[in-house]
Amino acid sequence: MSRTSLPEGLVVFVKRSCPTCELIEAEIREVAQRVPDFHVVSQDDPAFPRGVATVIDDRELDLSWLSNIEAMPTLLRIENGRETERVMGWDRAAWQRLTGLQGLGAHLPAMRPG
């Protein structure tokens, strides 16, 4: 299925074969359960991350190309159809700020590139 736009809210692009994505799999699942309008886009496996009810299948890379995704994970804020913020890789402070979840990933390194 080809898509030409991103959903509103927070959108994270992930890939099972990305070590940083695997490192933060539990955090992605927590955000998916606690934050309204959070969307996961998977480049290689729509069953990743485990436990997330709805994952957008982007194996054709339509959304990734449209969004200029160069690193995994990449977290975007989409407002009125436009990207307003972007975090590449794992940056605990930025993820906590964007999701509003203080303490998210407290046991993980503060930063890890994608």
PDB file of N, CA and C in Angstrom:
ATOM      1  N   MET A   1       0.838  -1.180   0.000  1.00  0.00           N
ATOM      2  CA  MET A   1       0.000   0.000   0.000  1.00  0.00           C
ATOM      3  C   MET A   1       0.881   1.240   0.000  1.00  0.00           C
ATOM      4  N   SER A   2       0.673   2.098  -0.908  1.00  0.00           N
ATOM      5  CA  SER A   2       1.440   3.329  -1.005  1.00  0.00           C
ATOM      6  C   SER A   2       0.725   4.431  -0.224  1.00  0.00           C
ATOM      7  N   ARG A   3       1.485   5.164   0.563  1.00  0.00           N
ATOM      8  CA  ARG A   3       0.927   6.289   1.318  1.00  0.00           C
ATOM      9  C   ARG A   3       1.655   7.546   0.899  1.00  0.00           C
ATOM     10  N   THR A   4       0.981   8.658   0.984  1.00  0.00           N
ATOM     11  CA  THR A   4       1.618   9.902   0.578  1.00  0.00           C
ATOM     12  C   THR A   4       1.652  10.948   1.671  1.00  0.00           C
ATOM     13  N   SER A   5       1.181  10.604   2.868  1.00  0.00           N
ATOM     14  CA  SER A   5       1.227  11.571   3.963  1.00  0.00           C
ATOM     15  C   SER A   5       1.364  10.844   5.294  1.00  0.00           C
ATOM     16  N   LEU A   6       1.878  11.579   6.260  1.00  0.00           N
ATOM     17  CA  LEU A   6       2.047  11.038   7.604  1.00  0.00           C
ATOM     18  C   LEU A   6       0.845  11.397   8.456  1.00  0.00           C
ATOM     19  N   PRO A   7       0.515  10.534   9.416  1.00  0.00           N
ATOM     20  CA  PRO A   7      -0.577  10.867  10.339  1.00  0.00           C
ATOM     21  C   PRO A   7      -0.161  11.993  11.282  1.00  0.00           C
ATOM     22  N   GLU A   8      -1.133  12.670  11.831  1.00  0.00           N
ATOM     23  CA  GLU A   8      -0.886  13.742  12.804  1.00  0.00           C
ATOM     24  C   GLU A   8      -0.390  13.160  14.119  1.00  0.00           C
ATOM     25  N   GLY A   9       0.427  13.908  14.828  1.00  0.00           N
ATOM     26  CA  GLY A   9       0.923  13.497  16.136  1.00  0.00           C
ATOM     27  C   GLY A   9       2.386  13.146  16.069  1.00  0.00           C
ATOM     28  N   LEU A  10       2.785  12.185  16.895  1.00  0.00           N
ATOM     29  CA  LEU A  10       4.164  11.714  16.906  1.00  0.00           C
ATOM     30  C   LEU A  10       4.272  10.478  16.025  1.00  0.00           C
ATOM     31  N   VAL A  11       5.307  10.441  15.208  1.00  0.00           N
ATOM     32  CA  VAL A  11       5.546   9.331  14.298  1.00  0.00           C
ATOM     33  C   VAL A  11       6.989   8.886  14.476  1.00  0.00           C
ATOM     34  N   VAL A  12       7.187   7.609  14.773  1.00  0.00           N
ATOM     35  CA  VAL A  12       8.544   7.091  14.874  1.00  0.00           C
ATOM     36  C   VAL A  12       8.787   6.091  13.754  1.00  0.00           C
ATOM     37  N   PHE A  13       9.900   6.263  13.070  1.00  0.00           N
ATOM     38  CA  PHE A  13      10.336   5.333  12.039  1.00  0.00           C
ATOM     39  C   PHE A  13      11.322   4.371  12.669  1.00  0.00           C
ATOM     40  N   VAL A  14      11.093   3.070  12.464  1.00  0.00           N
ATOM     41  CA  VAL A  14      11.937   2.034  13.057  1.00  0.00           C
ATOM     42  C   VAL A  14      12.269   0.963  12.028  1.00  0.00           C
ATOM     43  N   LYS A  15      13.215   0.122  12.429  1.00  0.00           N
ATOM     44  CA  LYS A  15      13.627  -0.998  11.594  1.00  0.00           C
ATOM     45  C   LYS A  15      14.132  -2.083  12.536  1.00  0.00           C
ATOM     46  N   ARG A  16      13.622  -3.296  12.384  1.00  0.00           N
ATOM     47  CA  ARG A  16      14.035  -4.386  13.271  1.00  0.00           C
ATOM     48  C   ARG A  16      15.544  -4.588  13.225  1.00  0.00           C
ATOM     49  N   SER A  17      16.148  -4.416  12.078  1.00  0.00           N
ATOM     50  CA  SER A  17      17.588  -4.652  11.948  1.00  0.00           C
ATOM     51  C   SER A  17      18.440  -3.514  12.515  1.00  0.00           C
ATOM     52  N   CYS A  18      17.824  -2.519  13.111  1.00  0.00           N
ATOM     53  CA  CYS A  18      18.536  -1.387  13.720  1.00  0.00           C
ATOM     54  C   CYS A  18      18.802  -1.700  15.196  1.00  0.00           C
ATOM     55  N   PRO A  19      20.084  -1.749  15.612  1.00  0.00           N
ATOM     56  CA  PRO A  19      20.388  -2.045  17.014  1.00  0.00           C
ATOM     57  C   PRO A  19      19.785  -1.034  17.997  1.00  0.00           C
ATOM     58  N   THR A  20      19.757   0.241  17.637  1.00  0.00           N
ATOM     59  CA  THR A  20      19.173   1.241  18.537  1.00  0.00           C
ATOM     60  C   THR A  20      17.666   1.035  18.657  1.00  0.00           C
ATOM     61  N   CYS A  21      17.013   0.684  17.562  1.00  0.00           N
ATOM     62  CA  CYS A  21      15.571   0.409  17.615  1.00  0.00           C
ATOM     63  C   CYS A  21      15.281  -0.777  18.530  1.00  0.00           C
ATOM     64  N   GLU A  22      16.085  -1.804  18.438  1.00  0.00           N
ATOM     65  CA  GLU A  22      15.899  -2.959  19.322  1.00  0.00           C
ATOM     66  C   GLU A  22      16.156  -2.575  20.772  1.00  0.00           C
ATOM     67  N   LEU A  23      17.151  -1.715  21.015  1.00  0.00           N
ATOM     68  CA  LEU A  23      17.453  -1.258  22.365  1.00  0.00           C
ATOM     69  C   LEU A  23      16.251  -0.550  22.996  1.00  0.00           C
ATOM     70  N   ILE A  24      15.536   0.247  22.210  1.00  0.00           N
ATOM     71  CA  ILE A  24      14.431   1.052  22.761  1.00  0.00           C
ATOM     72  C   ILE A  24      13.054   0.456  22.458  1.00  0.00           C
ATOM     73  N   GLU A  25      13.001  -0.809  22.104  1.00  0.00           N
ATOM     74  CA  GLU A  25      11.722  -1.446  21.769  1.00  0.00           C
ATOM     75  C   GLU A  25      10.704  -1.300  22.903  1.00  0.00           C
ATOM     76  N   ALA A  26      11.109  -1.525  24.134  1.00  0.00           N
ATOM     77  CA  ALA A  26      10.175  -1.409  25.266  1.00  0.00           C
ATOM     78  C   ALA A  26       9.683   0.028  25.436  1.00  0.00           C
ATOM     79  N   GLU A  27      10.546   1.002  25.174  1.00  0.00           N
ATOM     80  CA  GLU A  27      10.151   2.404  25.290  1.00  0.00           C
ATOM     81  C   GLU A  27       9.146   2.769  24.199  1.00  0.00           C
ATOM     82  N   ILE A  28       9.363   2.272  22.998  1.00  0.00           N
ATOM     83  CA  ILE A  28       8.403   2.513  21.911  1.00  0.00           C
ATOM     84  C   ILE A  28       7.047   1.926  22.283  1.00  0.00           C
ATOM     85  N   ARG A  29       7.058   0.723  22.829  1.00  0.00           N
ATOM     86  CA  ARG A  29       5.809   0.072  23.260  1.00  0.00           C
ATOM     87  C   ARG A  29       5.127   0.907  24.349  1.00  0.00           C
ATOM     88  N   GLU A  30       5.895   1.424  25.309  1.00  0.00           N
ATOM     89  CA  GLU A  30       5.317   2.254  26.375  1.00  0.00           C
ATOM     90  C   GLU A  30       4.685   3.516  25.808  1.00  0.00           C
ATOM     91  N   VAL A  31       5.381   4.181  24.906  1.00  0.00           N
ATOM     92  CA  VAL A  31       4.834   5.397  24.296  1.00  0.00           C
ATOM     93  C   VAL A  31       3.557   5.056  23.535  1.00  0.00           C
ATOM     94  N   ALA A  32       3.565   3.958  22.797  1.00  0.00           N
ATOM     95  CA  ALA A  32       2.382   3.550  22.026  1.00  0.00           C
ATOM     96  C   ALA A  32       1.176   3.315  22.934  1.00  0.00           C
ATOM     97  N   GLN A  33       1.418   2.819  24.138  1.00  0.00           N
ATOM     98  CA  GLN A  33       0.326   2.541  25.064  1.00  0.00           C
ATOM     99  C   GLN A  33      -0.159   3.786  25.798  1.00  0.00           C
ATOM    100  N   ARG A  34       0.723   4.778  25.981  1.00  0.00           N
ATOM    101  CA  ARG A  34       0.392   5.904  26.849  1.00  0.00           C
ATOM    102  C   ARG A  34       0.157   7.236  26.146  1.00  0.00           C
ATOM    103  N   VAL A  35       0.584   7.359  24.897  1.00  0.00           N
ATOM    104  CA  VAL A  35       0.492   8.649  24.213  1.00  0.00           C
ATOM    105  C   VAL A  35      -0.500   8.563  23.056  1.00  0.00           C
ATOM    106  N   PRO A  36      -1.561   9.362  23.124  1.00  0.00           N
ATOM    107  CA  PRO A  36      -2.500   9.387  21.998  1.00  0.00           C
ATOM    108  C   PRO A  36      -1.791   9.922  20.747  1.00  0.00           C
ATOM    109  N   ASP A  37      -2.246   9.535  19.600  1.00  0.00           N
ATOM    110  CA  ASP A  37      -1.688  10.012  18.328  1.00  0.00           C
ATOM    111  C   ASP A  37      -0.198   9.709  18.191  1.00  0.00           C
ATOM    112  N   PHE A  38       0.201   8.515  18.625  1.00  0.00           N
ATOM    113  CA  PHE A  38       1.567   8.032  18.415  1.00  0.00           C
ATOM    114  C   PHE A  38       1.500   6.919  17.377  1.00  0.00           C
ATOM    115  N   HIS A  39       2.349   7.009  16.371  1.00  0.00           N
ATOM    116  CA  HIS A  39       2.310   6.074  15.255  1.00  0.00           C
ATOM    117  C   HIS A  39       3.698   5.501  15.013  1.00  0.00           C
ATOM    118  N   VAL A  40       3.748   4.209  14.729  1.00  0.00           N
ATOM    119  CA  VAL A  40       4.999   3.525  14.435  1.00  0.00           C
ATOM    120  C   VAL A  40       4.997   3.150  12.962  1.00  0.00           C
ATOM    121  N   VAL A  41       6.096   3.489  12.290  1.00  0.00           N
ATOM    122  CA  VAL A  41       6.284   3.146  10.883  1.00  0.00           C
ATOM    123  C   VAL A  41       7.500   2.231  10.816  1.00  0.00           C
ATOM    124  N   SER A  42       7.304   1.014  10.328  1.00  0.00           N
ATOM    125  CA  SER A  42       8.397   0.048  10.253  1.00  0.00           C
ATOM    126  C   SER A  42       8.852  -0.145   8.815  1.00  0.00           C
ATOM    127  N   GLN A  43      10.156  -0.015   8.609  1.00  0.00           N
ATOM    128  CA  GLN A  43      10.713  -0.166   7.270  1.00  0.00           C
ATOM    129  C   GLN A  43      10.890  -1.616   6.845  1.00  0.00           C
ATOM    130  N   ASP A  44      11.004  -2.537   7.810  1.00  0.00           N
ATOM    131  CA  ASP A  44      11.344  -3.895   7.387  1.00  0.00           C
ATOM    132  C   ASP A  44      10.495  -5.013   7.981  1.00  0.00           C
ATOM    133  N   ASP A  45       9.718  -4.738   9.026  1.00  0.00           N
ATOM    134  CA  ASP A  45       8.938  -5.800   9.653  1.00  0.00           C
ATOM    135  C   ASP A  45       7.726  -5.201  10.355  1.00  0.00           C
ATOM    136  N   PRO A  46       6.526  -5.337   9.779  1.00  0.00           N
ATOM    137  CA  PRO A  46       5.342  -4.753  10.394  1.00  0.00           C
ATOM    138  C   PRO A  46       4.952  -5.400  11.726  1.00  0.00           C
ATOM    139  N   ALA A  47       5.659  -6.465  12.138  1.00  0.00           N
ATOM    140  CA  ALA A  47       5.426  -7.069  13.456  1.00  0.00           C
ATOM    141  C   ALA A  47       6.388  -6.488  14.498  1.00  0.00           C
ATOM    142  N   PHE A  48       7.193  -5.515  14.113  1.00  0.00           N
ATOM    143  CA  PHE A  48       8.142  -4.871  15.032  1.00  0.00           C
ATOM    144  C   PHE A  48       7.714  -3.438  15.219  1.00  0.00           C
ATOM    145  N   PRO A  49       7.724  -2.966  16.451  1.00  0.00           N
ATOM    146  CA  PRO A  49       8.054  -3.650  17.698  1.00  0.00           C
ATOM    147  C   PRO A  49       6.900  -4.525  18.188  1.00  0.00           C
ATOM    148  N   ARG A  50       7.280  -5.576  18.892  1.00  0.00           N
ATOM    149  CA  ARG A  50       6.279  -6.486  19.458  1.00  0.00           C
ATOM    150  C   ARG A  50       5.383  -5.721  20.435  1.00  0.00           C
ATOM    151  N   GLY A  51       4.112  -6.084  20.432  1.00  0.00           N
ATOM    152  CA  GLY A  51       3.185  -5.517  21.404  1.00  0.00           C
ATOM    153  C   GLY A  51       2.588  -4.179  21.016  1.00  0.00           C
ATOM    154  N   VAL A  52       2.914  -3.662  19.847  1.00  0.00           N
ATOM    155  CA  VAL A  52       2.304  -2.417  19.373  1.00  0.00           C
ATOM    156  C   VAL A  52       1.154  -2.804  18.448  1.00  0.00           C
ATOM    157  N   ALA A  53      -0.039  -2.338  18.781  1.00  0.00           N
ATOM    158  CA  ALA A  53      -1.239  -2.788  18.081  1.00  0.00           C
ATOM    159  C   ALA A  53      -1.228  -2.463  16.591  1.00  0.00           C
ATOM    160  N   THR A  54      -0.854  -1.270  16.241  1.00  0.00           N
ATOM    161  CA  THR A  54      -0.896  -0.868  14.841  1.00  0.00           C
ATOM    162  C   THR A  54       0.468  -0.331  14.423  1.00  0.00           C
ATOM    163  N   VAL A  55       1.037  -0.973  13.423  1.00  0.00           N
ATOM    164  CA  VAL A  55       2.316  -0.534  12.862  1.00  0.00           C
ATOM    165  C   VAL A  55       2.088  -0.300  11.377  1.00  0.00           C
ATOM    166  N   ILE A  56       2.505   0.846  10.901  1.00  0.00           N
ATOM    167  CA  ILE A  56       2.384   1.165   9.477  1.00  0.00           C
ATOM    168  C   ILE A  56       3.517   0.467   8.734  1.00  0.00           C
ATOM    169  N   ASP A  57       3.156  -0.322   7.752  1.00  0.00           N
ATOM    170  CA  ASP A  57       4.112  -1.088   6.956  1.00  0.00           C
ATOM    171  C   ASP A  57       4.713  -0.180   5.876  1.00  0.00           C
ATOM    172  N   ASP A  58       6.011   0.088   5.987  1.00  0.00           N
ATOM    173  CA  ASP A  58       6.684   0.948   5.020  1.00  0.00           C
ATOM    174  C   ASP A  58       7.819   0.199   4.324  1.00  0.00           C
ATOM    175  N   ARG A  59       7.608  -1.098   4.078  1.00  0.00           N
ATOM    176  CA  ARG A  59       8.650  -1.871   3.398  1.00  0.00           C
ATOM    177  C   ARG A  59       8.942  -1.348   2.000  1.00  0.00           C
ATOM    178  N   GLU A  60       7.999  -0.650   1.395  1.00  0.00           N
ATOM    179  CA  GLU A  60       8.254  -0.034   0.088  1.00  0.00           C
ATOM    180  C   GLU A  60       8.953   1.314   0.228  1.00  0.00           C
ATOM    181  N   LEU A  61       9.099   1.781   1.470  1.00  0.00           N
ATOM    182  CA  LEU A  61       9.830   3.004   1.829  1.00  0.00           C
ATOM    183  C   LEU A  61       9.197   4.292   1.300  1.00  0.00           C
ATOM    184  N   ASP A  62       7.910   4.250   0.969  1.00  0.00           N
ATOM    185  CA  ASP A  62       7.230   5.453   0.491  1.00  0.00           C
ATOM    186  C   ASP A  62       7.262   6.581   1.518  1.00  0.00           C
ATOM    187  N   LEU A  63       6.846   6.273   2.751  1.00  0.00           N
ATOM    188  CA  LEU A  63       6.825   7.302   3.790  1.00  0.00           C
ATOM    189  C   LEU A  63       8.232   7.722   4.201  1.00  0.00           C
ATOM    190  N   SER A  64       9.149   6.770   4.226  1.00  0.00           N
ATOM    191  CA  SER A  64      10.536   7.093   4.587  1.00  0.00           C
ATOM    192  C   SER A  64      11.135   8.059   3.576  1.00  0.00           C
ATOM    193  N   TRP A  65      10.900   7.801   2.299  1.00  0.00           N
ATOM    194  CA  TRP A  65      11.417   8.684   1.257  1.00  0.00           C
ATOM    195  C   TRP A  65      10.763  10.056   1.355  1.00  0.00           C
ATOM    196  N   LEU A  66       9.450  10.086   1.509  1.00  0.00           N
ATOM    197  CA  LEU A  66       8.706  11.335   1.624  1.00  0.00           C
ATOM    198  C   LEU A  66       9.212  12.179   2.794  1.00  0.00           C
ATOM    199  N   SER A  67       9.619  11.512   3.865  1.00  0.00           N
ATOM    200  CA  SER A  67      10.021  12.198   5.098  1.00  0.00           C
ATOM    201  C   SER A  67      11.532  12.383   5.227  1.00  0.00           C
ATOM    202  N   ASN A  68      12.282  12.006   4.195  1.00  0.00           N
ATOM    203  CA  ASN A  68      13.746  12.146   4.228  1.00  0.00           C
ATOM    204  C   ASN A  68      14.362  11.465   5.437  1.00  0.00           C
ATOM    205  N   ILE A  69      13.952  10.235   5.687  1.00  0.00           N
ATOM    206  CA  ILE A  69      14.467   9.484   6.823  1.00  0.00           C
ATOM    207  C   ILE A  69      15.829   8.906   6.457  1.00  0.00           C
ATOM    208  N   GLU A  70      16.836   9.248   7.255  1.00  0.00           N
ATOM    209  CA  GLU A  70      18.199   8.808   6.991  1.00  0.00           C
ATOM    210  C   GLU A  70      18.758   7.921   8.091  1.00  0.00           C
ATOM    211  N   ALA A  71      18.143   7.919   9.257  1.00  0.00           N
ATOM    212  CA  ALA A  71      18.650   7.138  10.389  1.00  0.00           C
ATOM    213  C   ALA A  71      17.474   6.559  11.150  1.00  0.00           C
ATOM    214  N   MET A  72      17.714   5.438  11.786  1.00  0.00           N
ATOM    215  CA  MET A  72      16.709   4.787  12.606  1.00  0.00           C
ATOM    216  C   MET A  72      17.182   4.789  14.042  1.00  0.00           C
ATOM    217  N   PRO A  73      16.337   4.984  14.988  1.00  0.00           N
ATOM    218  CA  PRO A  73      14.973   5.476  14.851  1.00  0.00           C
ATOM    219  C   PRO A  73      14.973   6.983  14.583  1.00  0.00           C
ATOM    220  N   THR A  74      13.907   7.461  13.991  1.00  0.00           N
ATOM    221  CA  THR A  74      13.679   8.899  13.842  1.00  0.00           C
ATOM    222  C   THR A  74      12.277   9.189  14.342  1.00  0.00           C
ATOM    223  N   LEU A  75      12.183  10.130  15.277  1.00  0.00           N
ATOM    224  CA  LEU A  75      10.907  10.529  15.871  1.00  0.00           C
ATOM    225  C   LEU A  75      10.533  11.902  15.320  1.00  0.00           C
ATOM    226  N   LEU A  76       9.332  12.004  14.768  1.00  0.00           N
ATOM    227  CA  LEU A  76       8.841  13.256  14.195  1.00  0.00           C
ATOM    228  C   LEU A  76       7.581  13.712  14.923  1.00  0.00           C
ATOM    229  N   ARG A  77       7.412  15.021  14.996  1.00  0.00           N
ATOM    230  CA  ARG A  77       6.118  15.592  15.404  1.00  0.00           C
ATOM    231  C   ARG A  77       5.501  16.176  14.139  1.00  0.00           C
ATOM    232  N   ILE A  78       4.261  15.740  13.840  1.00  0.00           N
ATOM    233  CA  ILE A  78       3.531  16.212  12.668  1.00  0.00           C
ATOM    234  C   ILE A  78       2.337  17.021  13.150  1.00  0.00           C
ATOM    235  N   GLU A  79       2.276  18.278  12.726  1.00  0.00           N
ATOM    236  CA  GLU A  79       1.167  19.166  13.085  1.00  0.00           C
ATOM    237  C   GLU A  79       0.635  19.810  11.812  1.00  0.00           C
ATOM    238  N   ASN A  80      -0.664  19.717  11.608  1.00  0.00           N
ATOM    239  CA  ASN A  80      -1.306  20.277  10.414  1.00  0.00           C
ATOM    240  C   ASN A  80      -0.628  19.798   9.136  1.00  0.00           C
ATOM    241  N   GLY A  81      -0.242  18.516   9.131  1.00  0.00           N
ATOM    242  CA  GLY A  81       0.349  17.916   7.948  1.00  0.00           C
ATOM    243  C   GLY A  81       1.810  18.236   7.706  1.00  0.00           C
ATOM    244  N   ARG A  82       2.442  18.958   8.638  1.00  0.00           N
ATOM    245  CA  ARG A  82       3.834  19.361   8.459  1.00  0.00           C
ATOM    246  C   ARG A  82       4.689  18.914   9.626  1.00  0.00           C
ATOM    247  N   GLU A  83       5.923  18.571   9.325  1.00  0.00           N
ATOM    248  CA  GLU A  83       6.874  18.217  10.378  1.00  0.00           C
ATOM    249  C   GLU A  83       7.289  19.479  11.126  1.00  0.00           C
ATOM    250  N   THR A  84       7.183  19.427  12.465  1.00  0.00           N
ATOM    251  CA  THR A  84       7.591  20.577  13.271  1.00  0.00           C
ATOM    252  C   THR A  84       8.810  20.278  14.147  1.00  0.00           C
ATOM    253  N   GLU A  85       9.094  18.978  14.375  1.00  0.00           N
ATOM    254  CA  GLU A  85      10.276  18.591  15.155  1.00  0.00           C
ATOM    255  C   GLU A  85      10.762  17.242  14.680  1.00  0.00           C
ATOM    256  N   ARG A  86      12.079  17.005  14.862  1.00  0.00           N
ATOM    257  CA  ARG A  86      12.691  15.737  14.458  1.00  0.00           C
ATOM    258  C   ARG A  86      13.802  15.399  15.440  1.00  0.00           C
ATOM    259  N   VAL A  87      13.816  14.124  15.863  1.00  0.00           N
ATOM    260  CA  VAL A  87      14.902  13.595  16.694  1.00  0.00           C
ATOM    261  C   VAL A  87      15.413  12.339  16.004  1.00  0.00           C
ATOM    262  N   MET A  88      16.699  12.338  15.678  1.00  0.00           N
ATOM    263  CA  MET A  88      17.300  11.155  15.050  1.00  0.00           C
ATOM    264  C   MET A  88      18.050  10.375  16.122  1.00  0.00           C
ATOM    265  N   GLY A  89      17.844   9.063  16.118  1.00  0.00           N
ATOM    266  CA  GLY A  89      18.479   8.213  17.120  1.00  0.00           C
ATOM    267  C   GLY A  89      17.729   8.299  18.438  1.00  0.00           C
ATOM    268  N   TRP A  90      18.355   7.796  19.486  1.00  0.00           N
ATOM    269  CA  TRP A  90      17.779   7.850  20.831  1.00  0.00           C
ATOM    270  C   TRP A  90      18.432   9.001  21.573  1.00  0.00           C
ATOM    271  N   ASP A  91      17.639   9.957  21.977  1.00  0.00           N
ATOM    272  CA  ASP A  91      18.054  11.083  22.804  1.00  0.00           C
ATOM    273  C   ASP A  91      17.005  11.157  23.909  1.00  0.00           C
ATOM    274  N   ARG A  92      17.359  10.624  25.084  1.00  0.00           N
ATOM    275  CA  ARG A  92      16.376  10.468  26.160  1.00  0.00           C
ATOM    276  C   ARG A  92      15.649  11.777  26.463  1.00  0.00           C
ATOM    277  N   ALA A  93      16.376  12.873  26.619  1.00  0.00           N
ATOM    278  CA  ALA A  93      15.747  14.149  26.973  1.00  0.00           C
ATOM    279  C   ALA A  93      14.760  14.603  25.883  1.00  0.00           C
ATOM    280  N   ALA A  94      15.138  14.460  24.629  1.00  0.00           N
ATOM    281  CA  ALA A  94      14.255  14.876  23.537  1.00  0.00           C
ATOM    282  C   ALA A  94      13.019  13.981  23.459  1.00  0.00           C
ATOM    283  N   TRP A  95      13.207  12.662  23.607  1.00  0.00           N
ATOM    284  CA  TRP A  95      12.062  11.746  23.588  1.00  0.00           C
ATOM    285  C   TRP A  95      11.123  12.038  24.755  1.00  0.00           C
ATOM    286  N   GLN A  96      11.671  12.304  25.946  1.00  0.00           N
ATOM    287  CA  GLN A  96      10.826  12.628  27.097  1.00  0.00           C
ATOM    288  C   GLN A  96      10.054  13.912  26.844  1.00  0.00           C
ATOM    289  N   ARG A  97      10.708  14.923  26.271  1.00  0.00           N
ATOM    290  CA  ARG A  97      10.049  16.195  26.001  1.00  0.00           C
ATOM    291  C   ARG A  97       8.930  16.020  24.972  1.00  0.00           C
ATOM    292  N   LEU A  98       9.212  15.332  23.875  1.00  0.00           N
ATOM    293  CA  LEU A  98       8.198  15.175  22.821  1.00  0.00           C
ATOM    294  C   LEU A  98       7.026  14.307  23.259  1.00  0.00           C
ATOM    295  N   THR A  99       7.297  13.252  24.006  1.00  0.00           N
ATOM    296  CA  THR A  99       6.218  12.348  24.421  1.00  0.00           C
ATOM    297  C   THR A  99       5.505  12.810  25.680  1.00  0.00           C
ATOM    298  N   GLY A 100       6.163  13.674  26.465  1.00  0.00           N
ATOM    299  CA  GLY A 100       5.600  14.095  27.744  1.00  0.00           C
ATOM    300  C   GLY A 100       5.742  13.043  28.828  1.00  0.00           C
ATOM    301  N   LEU A 101       6.550  12.007  28.590  1.00  0.00           N
ATOM    302  CA  LEU A 101       6.719  10.910  29.548  1.00  0.00           C
ATOM    303  C   LEU A 101       8.049  11.054  30.281  1.00  0.00           C
ATOM    304  N   GLN A 102       8.005  11.712  31.431  1.00  0.00           N
ATOM    305  CA  GLN A 102       9.209  11.837  32.239  1.00  0.00           C
ATOM    306  C   GLN A 102       9.609  10.459  32.746  1.00  0.00           C
ATOM    307  N   GLY A 103      10.887  10.181  32.742  1.00  0.00           N
ATOM    308  CA  GLY A 103      11.365   8.885  33.194  1.00  0.00           C
ATOM    309  C   GLY A 103      11.469   7.859  32.073  1.00  0.00           C
ATOM    310  N   LEU A 104      10.993   8.203  30.876  1.00  0.00           N
ATOM    311  CA  LEU A 104      11.070   7.274  29.748  1.00  0.00           C
ATOM    312  C   LEU A 104      12.534   6.931  29.481  1.00  0.00           C
ATOM    313  N   GLY A 105      12.836   5.648  29.463  1.00  0.00           N
ATOM    314  CA  GLY A 105      14.184   5.192  29.151  1.00  0.00           C
ATOM    315  C   GLY A 105      15.233   5.545  30.182  1.00  0.00           C
ATOM    316  N   ALA A 106      14.828   5.716  31.433  1.00  0.00           N
ATOM    317  CA  ALA A 106      15.771   6.124  32.480  1.00  0.00           C
ATOM    318  C   ALA A 106      16.911   5.141  32.636  1.00  0.00           C
ATOM    319  N   HIS A 107      16.712   3.878  32.313  1.00  0.00           N
ATOM    320  CA  HIS A 107      17.746   2.856  32.455  1.00  0.00           C
ATOM    321  C   HIS A 107      18.651   2.755  31.229  1.00  0.00           C
ATOM    322  N   LEU A 108      18.338   3.515  30.184  1.00  0.00           N
ATOM    323  CA  LEU A 108      19.111   3.477  28.938  1.00  0.00           C
ATOM    324  C   LEU A 108      20.166   4.578  28.916  1.00  0.00           C
ATOM    325  N   PRO A 109      21.150   4.458  28.026  1.00  0.00           N
ATOM    326  CA  PRO A 109      22.102   5.562  27.867  1.00  0.00           C
ATOM    327  C   PRO A 109      21.345   6.833  27.486  1.00  0.00           C
ATOM    328  N   ALA A 110      21.888   7.993  27.839  1.00  0.00           N
ATOM    329  CA  ALA A 110      21.224   9.263  27.531  1.00  0.00           C
ATOM    330  C   ALA A 110      21.080   9.459  26.025  1.00  0.00           C
ATOM    331  N   MET A 111      22.069   9.012  25.272  1.00  0.00           N
ATOM    332  CA  MET A 111      22.018   9.160  23.822  1.00  0.00           C
ATOM    333  C   MET A 111      22.603   7.911  23.157  1.00  0.00           C
ATOM    334  N   ARG A 112      22.052   7.625  21.985  1.00  0.00           N
ATOM    335  CA  ARG A 112      22.601   6.556  21.163  1.00  0.00           C
ATOM    336  C   ARG A 112      22.231   6.873  19.713  1.00  0.00           C
ATOM    337  N   PRO A 113      23.214   6.979  18.841  1.00  0.00           N
ATOM    338  CA  PRO A 113      22.894   7.331  17.449  1.00  0.00           C
ATOM    339  C   PRO A 113      22.109   6.215  16.785  1.00  0.00           C
ATOM    340  N   GLY A 114      21.437   6.589  15.729  1.00  0.00           N
ATOM    341  CA  GLY A 114      20.659   5.625  14.964  1.00  0.00           C
ATOM    342  C   GLY A 114      21.468   5.019  13.855  1.00  0.00           C
TER     343      GLY A 114
END
